[in-house]
Amino acid sequence: NFAWLSFSLMVLDWNPEIQYSIYDDEYATHHPLKAGDGILAASQTMYDIQNFVSARKVHSTLAALSLIMSCVQLVKNLDFHPRMGLITRTIAHAAGAMLFFFTLFFSVVVVYSFM
């Protein structure tokens, strides 16, 4: 999977520190929260983590779509045989009723989600 390969290459050379010294002087009394040089490295690490999370979400989405497409392709390919094509013919016969059901179902879910 290309998404997993890109994710693996992203983390290949990533080497975060265990602790970042983000304050200029930890014991200062007049500017205790003044940022030091470590704040840049810490913010870059947070940016990298956000990129990793977004890459993981893309990978999960692509994996789910691939699984759904494989199931649809299997059902489509089994249509050649009279007994194995029963699923495809049943879904084709009930398409109108299923469309109405899913329209009604999702409209009820949307109404309840705003309550």
Foldseek 3Di string as FASTA:
>chain_A
DVLVVVLCVLCVPDDADPDFDQAPDCPDDPCNRHGDPRVVSVVVVVVSVVVSVVSVVVVVVVVVVVVVVVVVVVLVVLCPDPVSVPVVVVCVVCVVVVVVVVVVVVVVVVVVVVD
